[in-house]
Amino acid sequence: MYTDDRRWIYFVRSGIGSDQYKGFYAKNKEDYRDGIRQHGMRTLKWMDTFNEAQSVLNTYAEKKGWKEWKELNE
């Protein structure tokens, strides 16, 4: 998971049906924690596995200069 200067949270999750994965974002930790108002990242494609989608997100995050985000209590 990553965060940017706006403190938005970026992460990988499955879509409806659980057979495809991509990067999503939430604008605050409460929305992330509660699983609401999470939006798919239009610039990232759906992938067949979680690990593939995480790799794509890792590359994108590095390009954008995002920081790793590990704590809900941040």
Protein backbone atom coordinates (compact mmCIF):
# COMPACT_ATOMS: atom_id res chain seq x y z
CA MET A 1 0.00 0.00 0.00
CA TYR A 2 1.10 3.54 -0.70
CA THR A 3 0.22 7.10 0.15
CA ASP A 4 0.83 10.39 -1.64
CA ASP A 5 1.19 14.02 -0.53
CA ARG A 6 -2.61 14.29 -0.26
CA ARG A 7 -2.58 11.27 2.10
CA TRP A 8 -4.74 9.26 -0.30
CA ILE A 9 -4.23 5.52 0.09
CA TYR A 10 -3.44 3.28 -2.91
CA PHE A 11 -3.81 -0.49 -2.75
CA VAL A 12 -4.69 -3.60 -4.75
CA ARG A 13 -8.01 -5.38 -4.41
CA SER A 14 -10.23 -7.66 -6.42
CA GLY A 15 -13.17 -6.54 -8.46
CA ILE A 16 -16.65 -7.98 -8.33
CA GLY A 17 -16.31 -11.72 -8.79
CA SER A 18 -12.82 -11.89 -7.22
CA ASP A 19 -11.07 -13.14 -10.36
CA GLN A 20 -9.38 -9.89 -11.44
CA TYR A 21 -7.27 -7.37 -9.51
CA LYS A 22 -6.12 -3.79 -9.94
CA GLY A 23 -5.03 -0.69 -8.07
CA PHE A 24 -7.65 1.26 -6.16
CA TYR A 25 -7.53 4.38 -4.00
CA ALA A 26 -9.39 5.83 -1.04
CA LYS A 27 -9.17 9.48 -0.09
CA ASN A 28 -8.75 8.80 3.64
CA LYS A 29 -7.92 5.96 6.02
CA GLU A 30 -11.49 5.72 7.32
CA ASP A 31 -12.84 4.99 3.83
CA TYR A 32 -10.07 2.43 3.31
CA ARG A 33 -10.74 0.79 6.67
CA ASP A 34 -14.52 0.70 6.14
CA GLY A 35 -14.29 -0.47 2.52
CA ILE A 36 -16.33 2.45 1.19
CA ARG A 37 -15.71 5.12 -1.46
CA GLN A 38 -12.86 3.13 -2.99
CA HIS A 39 -12.17 3.95 -6.62
CA GLY A 40 -10.41 1.95 -9.33
CA MET A 41 -7.38 3.64 -10.83
CA ARG A 42 -8.23 4.24 -14.49
CA THR A 43 -4.58 4.26 -15.53
CA LEU A 44 -4.02 0.69 -14.30
CA LYS A 45 -5.33 -2.40 -16.07
CA TRP A 46 -7.12 -5.37 -14.55
CA MET A 47 -4.74 -8.28 -13.91
CA ASP A 48 -5.36 -12.01 -13.41
CA THR A 49 -3.55 -12.28 -10.04
CA PHE A 50 -3.06 -10.13 -6.98
CA ASN A 51 0.72 -10.34 -7.35
CA GLU A 52 0.62 -9.09 -10.95
CA ALA A 53 -1.57 -6.14 -9.94
CA GLN A 54 0.68 -5.38 -6.96
CA SER A 55 3.72 -5.35 -9.22
CA VAL A 56 2.00 -2.87 -11.56
CA LEU A 57 1.04 -0.68 -8.59
CA ASN A 58 4.60 -0.86 -7.20
CA THR A 59 6.03 0.37 -10.50
CA TYR A 60 3.44 3.16 -10.77
CA ALA A 61 4.03 4.24 -7.16
CA GLU A 62 7.79 4.42 -7.72
CA LYS A 63 7.24 6.55 -10.83
CA LYS A 64 4.96 8.90 -8.85
CA GLY A 65 7.26 9.08 -5.81
CA TRP A 66 4.66 7.70 -3.39
CA LYS A 67 5.63 6.40 0.04
CA GLU A 68 4.78 3.00 1.45
CA TRP A 69 1.84 3.13 3.85
CA LYS A 70 1.64 0.48 6.53
CA GLU A 71 -0.46 1.77 9.41
CA LEU A 72 -4.12 2.60 9.83
CA ASN A 73 -3.13 4.59 12.92
CA GLU A 74 -0.91 6.99 11.00
